Every structure is written in C-alpha cells, then in structure tokens.
Amino acid sequence: MLILDSAGKERQRLEGYLPKDEFRANLEMGLARIAFTHKRFADAEKLYGKVARSYPNSTAAPEALYWEAVSHYKGTNDHTSLGAVVEKLKRYPDSVWAEKAIPWAHSPESEVPHKPG
C-alpha cells in the first residue's frame, strides 16, 4: 500500500501483511509524514504523538516518538523536546530510533545504552 500526498508523491509504503494495530499505526505514520513534509509541524507533532500514545507496543511507536520531538523542534525552535525524547525512548532500547536520539542527550544518565557487539 502506498500513502501519497496531494501531489501524488509517495510518503509511506507498507508491504506485506501487518496485524491490525501495526497496520493502523503505520497508516497514521504516513499521514503524519505528509504533514511533516508539507511543513505543517504542529499537525505532524500531534499525529506522531497520537501514534505513540495509541499504539505503544507497535514497531512504529519509537519512530513516532522520535518524529514527534523533531516536529516540535521544527515548529517551535525549542530544542528541549529533543533531549526529552531520549528518556522516552529508553522504553525501546533495541530501537534504531533510540540510538538516533543519543546525540540529543543532555547528560550521561539520559543516554540510551548501546547493545554490546
């Protein structure tokens, strides 16, 4: 399934079977991505936040948290959301999104531990 914006540009691609909650979370991620790429950052922040809260056990949740923080930053220029998301992403220590947020950590205790190896 492709999620396209109003100009017909692909913004999300879903391949293969997904359970209902995973499908819904990823579909909503596509809508959030459209808002983000159209610089509607407040809308994107709200949509990403909804995914993170509604589907906390989905594979989309850590990505949604990451992009919610980025959307807030882009819309407000308030960088504190970037540091705060590091703490939220500790719930998903094996997620690539947790690792991507590590540079935003403001103190050693807010770092997400790296997996050995």
C-alpha atoms as a PDB file:
ATOM      1  CA  MET A   1       0.000   0.000   0.000  1.00  0.00           C
ATOM      2  CA  LEU A   2       1.277   3.441  -0.854  1.00  0.00           C
ATOM      3  CA  ILE A   3       0.341   6.575   1.021  1.00  0.00           C
ATOM      4  CA  LEU A   4       0.595   9.561  -1.290  1.00  0.00           C
ATOM      5  CA  ASP A   5       0.355  13.263  -0.573  1.00  0.00           C
ATOM      6  CA  SER A   6      -1.927  15.596  -2.530  1.00  0.00           C
ATOM      7  CA  ALA A   7       0.723  15.971  -5.249  1.00  0.00           C
ATOM      8  CA  GLY A   8       0.918  12.196  -5.699  1.00  0.00           C
ATOM      9  CA  LYS A   9       4.345  11.890  -4.042  1.00  0.00           C
ATOM     10  CA  GLU A  10       4.905   8.703  -2.086  1.00  0.00           C
ATOM     11  CA  ARG A  11       5.224   9.373   1.650  1.00  0.00           C
ATOM     12  CA  GLN A  12       4.797   5.888   3.147  1.00  0.00           C
ATOM     13  CA  ARG A  13       4.956   2.363   1.782  1.00  0.00           C
ATOM     14  CA  LEU A  14       3.528  -0.692   3.512  1.00  0.00           C
ATOM     15  CA  GLU A  15       4.413  -4.111   2.169  1.00  0.00           C
ATOM     16  CA  GLY A  16       3.102  -7.477   3.207  1.00  0.00           C
ATOM     17  CA  TYR A  17       0.689  -8.429   5.914  1.00  0.00           C
ATOM     18  CA  LEU A  18       0.563  -6.436   9.136  1.00  0.00           C
ATOM     19  CA  PRO A  19      -1.669  -7.142  12.135  1.00  0.00           C
ATOM     20  CA  LYS A  20      -4.485  -4.631  12.562  1.00  0.00           C
ATOM     21  CA  ASP A  21      -2.767  -2.387  15.131  1.00  0.00           C
ATOM     22  CA  GLU A  22       0.540  -2.381  13.224  1.00  0.00           C
ATOM     23  CA  PHE A  23      -1.282  -1.549  10.004  1.00  0.00           C
ATOM     24  CA  ARG A  24      -3.216   1.289  11.636  1.00  0.00           C
ATOM     25  CA  ALA A  25      -0.102   2.695  13.327  1.00  0.00           C
ATOM     26  CA  ASN A  26       1.817   2.679  10.051  1.00  0.00           C
ATOM     27  CA  LEU A  27      -1.093   4.203   8.161  1.00  0.00           C
ATOM     28  CA  GLU A  28      -1.234   7.038  10.678  1.00  0.00           C
ATOM     29  CA  MET A  29       2.552   7.428  10.420  1.00  0.00           C
ATOM     30  CA  GLY A  30       2.034   8.067   6.713  1.00  0.00           C
ATOM     31  CA  LEU A  31      -0.449  10.837   7.452  1.00  0.00           C
ATOM     32  CA  ALA A  32       1.978  12.367   9.948  1.00  0.00           C
ATOM     33  CA  ARG A  33       4.768  12.172   7.357  1.00  0.00           C
ATOM     34  CA  ILE A  34       2.610  14.069   4.880  1.00  0.00           C
ATOM     35  CA  ALA A  35       2.034  16.839   7.432  1.00  0.00           C
ATOM     36  CA  PHE A  36       5.765  16.957   8.227  1.00  0.00           C
ATOM     37  CA  THR A  37       6.920  17.150   4.619  1.00  0.00           C
ATOM     38  CA  HIS A  38       4.398  19.921   3.970  1.00  0.00           C
ATOM     39  CA  LYS A  39       5.893  21.841   6.922  1.00  0.00           C
ATOM     40  CA  ARG A  40       2.710  21.559   8.975  1.00  0.00           C
ATOM     41  CA  PHE A  41       4.821  20.777  12.024  1.00  0.00           C
ATOM     42  CA  ALA A  42       2.123  21.285  14.685  1.00  0.00           C
ATOM     43  CA  ASP A  43      -0.137  18.831  12.832  1.00  0.00           C
ATOM     44  CA  ALA A  44       2.734  16.380  12.405  1.00  0.00           C
ATOM     45  CA  GLU A  45       3.619  16.605  16.097  1.00  0.00           C
ATOM     46  CA  LYS A  46       0.015  15.866  17.049  1.00  0.00           C
ATOM     47  CA  LEU A  47      -0.268  12.935  14.614  1.00  0.00           C
ATOM     48  CA  TYR A  48       3.038  11.363  15.637  1.00  0.00           C
ATOM     49  CA  GLY A  49       2.085  11.776  19.288  1.00  0.00           C
ATOM     50  CA  LYS A  50      -1.216  10.047  18.653  1.00  0.00           C
ATOM     51  CA  VAL A  51       0.576   7.045  17.145  1.00  0.00           C
ATOM     52  CA  ALA A  52       2.976   6.835  20.090  1.00  0.00           C
ATOM     53  CA  ARG A  53       0.138   7.001  22.636  1.00  0.00           C
ATOM     54  CA  SER A  54      -2.396   4.832  20.780  1.00  0.00           C
ATOM     55  CA  TYR A  55      -0.005   2.076  19.695  1.00  0.00           C
ATOM     56  CA  PRO A  56       2.801   1.993  22.310  1.00  0.00           C
ATOM     57  CA  ASN A  57       3.615  -1.656  21.607  1.00  0.00           C
ATOM     58  CA  SER A  58       3.811  -1.255  17.839  1.00  0.00           C
ATOM     59  CA  THR A  59       7.023  -1.164  15.864  1.00  0.00           C
ATOM     60  CA  ALA A  60       6.024   2.372  14.803  1.00  0.00           C
ATOM     61  CA  ALA A  61       5.931   3.762  18.369  1.00  0.00           C
ATOM     62  CA  PRO A  62       9.635   4.610  18.812  1.00  0.00           C
ATOM     63  CA  GLU A  63       9.786   6.216  15.373  1.00  0.00           C
ATOM     64  CA  ALA A  64       6.648   8.199  16.206  1.00  0.00           C
ATOM     65  CA  LEU A  65       8.230   9.471  19.433  1.00  0.00           C
ATOM     66  CA  TYR A  66      11.369  10.500  17.563  1.00  0.00           C
ATOM     67  CA  TRP A  67       9.486  12.379  14.854  1.00  0.00           C
ATOM     68  CA  GLU A  68       7.087  13.923  17.367  1.00  0.00           C
ATOM     69  CA  ALA A  69      10.108  15.558  19.034  1.00  0.00           C
ATOM     70  CA  VAL A  70      11.594  16.651  15.703  1.00  0.00           C
ATOM     71  CA  SER A  71       8.241  18.098  14.629  1.00  0.00           C
ATOM     72  CA  HIS A  72       8.013  20.065  17.882  1.00  0.00           C
ATOM     73  CA  TYR A  73      11.531  21.386  17.382  1.00  0.00           C
ATOM     74  CA  LYS A  74      10.920  22.328  13.743  1.00  0.00           C
ATOM     75  CA  GLY A  75       7.664  24.099  14.609  1.00  0.00           C
ATOM     76  CA  THR A  76       8.850  25.976  17.699  1.00  0.00           C
ATOM     77  CA  ASN A  77      12.662  26.039  17.571  1.00  0.00           C
ATOM     78  CA  ASP A  78      12.511  24.691  21.144  1.00  0.00           C
ATOM     79  CA  HIS A  79      15.296  22.131  21.359  1.00  0.00           C
ATOM     80  CA  THR A  80      14.272  20.784  24.793  1.00  0.00           C
ATOM     81  CA  SER A  81      11.920  18.272  23.157  1.00  0.00           C
ATOM     82  CA  LEU A  82      14.927  16.615  21.542  1.00  0.00           C
ATOM     83  CA  GLY A  83      16.641  15.958  24.866  1.00  0.00           C
ATOM     84  CA  ALA A  84      13.392  14.835  26.487  1.00  0.00           C
ATOM     85  CA  VAL A  85      12.713  12.213  23.832  1.00  0.00           C
ATOM     86  CA  VAL A  86      15.907  10.391  24.792  1.00  0.00           C
ATOM     87  CA  GLU A  87      14.259   9.499  28.109  1.00  0.00           C
ATOM     88  CA  LYS A  88      11.026   8.407  26.411  1.00  0.00           C
ATOM     89  CA  LEU A  89      12.924   6.200  24.001  1.00  0.00           C
ATOM     90  CA  LYS A  90      14.545   4.259  26.845  1.00  0.00           C
ATOM     91  CA  ARG A  91      11.386   2.166  26.733  1.00  0.00           C
ATOM     92  CA  TYR A  92      12.607   0.932  23.324  1.00  0.00           C
ATOM     93  CA  PRO A  93      16.322   0.221  23.925  1.00  0.00           C
ATOM     94  CA  ASP A  94      16.664  -2.038  20.868  1.00  0.00           C
ATOM     95  CA  SER A  95      15.154   0.535  18.518  1.00  0.00           C
ATOM     96  CA  VAL A  96      17.289   2.311  15.960  1.00  0.00           C
ATOM     97  CA  TRP A  97      15.274   5.430  16.854  1.00  0.00           C
ATOM     98  CA  ALA A  98      16.608   5.308  20.408  1.00  0.00           C
ATOM     99  CA  GLU A  99      20.137   5.187  19.042  1.00  0.00           C
ATOM    100  CA  LYS A 100      19.470   8.042  16.600  1.00  0.00           C
ATOM    101  CA  ALA A 101      18.406  10.238  19.530  1.00  0.00           C
ATOM    102  CA  ILE A 102      21.564   9.658  21.595  1.00  0.00           C
ATOM    103  CA  PRO A 103      23.288  12.847  20.327  1.00  0.00           C
ATOM    104  CA  TRP A 104      20.435  14.845  21.864  1.00  0.00           C
ATOM    105  CA  ALA A 105      21.123  13.534  25.366  1.00  0.00           C
ATOM    106  CA  HIS A 106      21.946  16.392  27.731  1.00  0.00           C
ATOM    107  CA  SER A 107      23.583  14.289  30.409  1.00  0.00           C
ATOM    108  CA  PRO A 108      25.239  10.862  30.709  1.00  0.00           C
ATOM    109  CA  GLU A 109      22.291   9.473  32.664  1.00  0.00           C
ATOM    110  CA  SER A 110      19.901  10.212  29.786  1.00  0.00           C
ATOM    111  CA  GLU A 111      21.883   8.167  27.267  1.00  0.00           C
ATOM    112  CA  VAL A 112      20.321   5.048  25.828  1.00  0.00           C
ATOM    113  CA  PRO A 113      22.688   2.140  26.491  1.00  0.00           C
ATOM    114  CA  HIS A 114      24.320   0.654  23.398  1.00  0.00           C
ATOM    115  CA  LYS A 115      23.894  -3.021  22.760  1.00  0.00           C
ATOM    116  CA  PRO A 116      27.190  -4.896  23.028  1.00  0.00           C
ATOM    117  CA  GLY A 117      28.728  -6.172  19.843  1.00  0.00           C
END
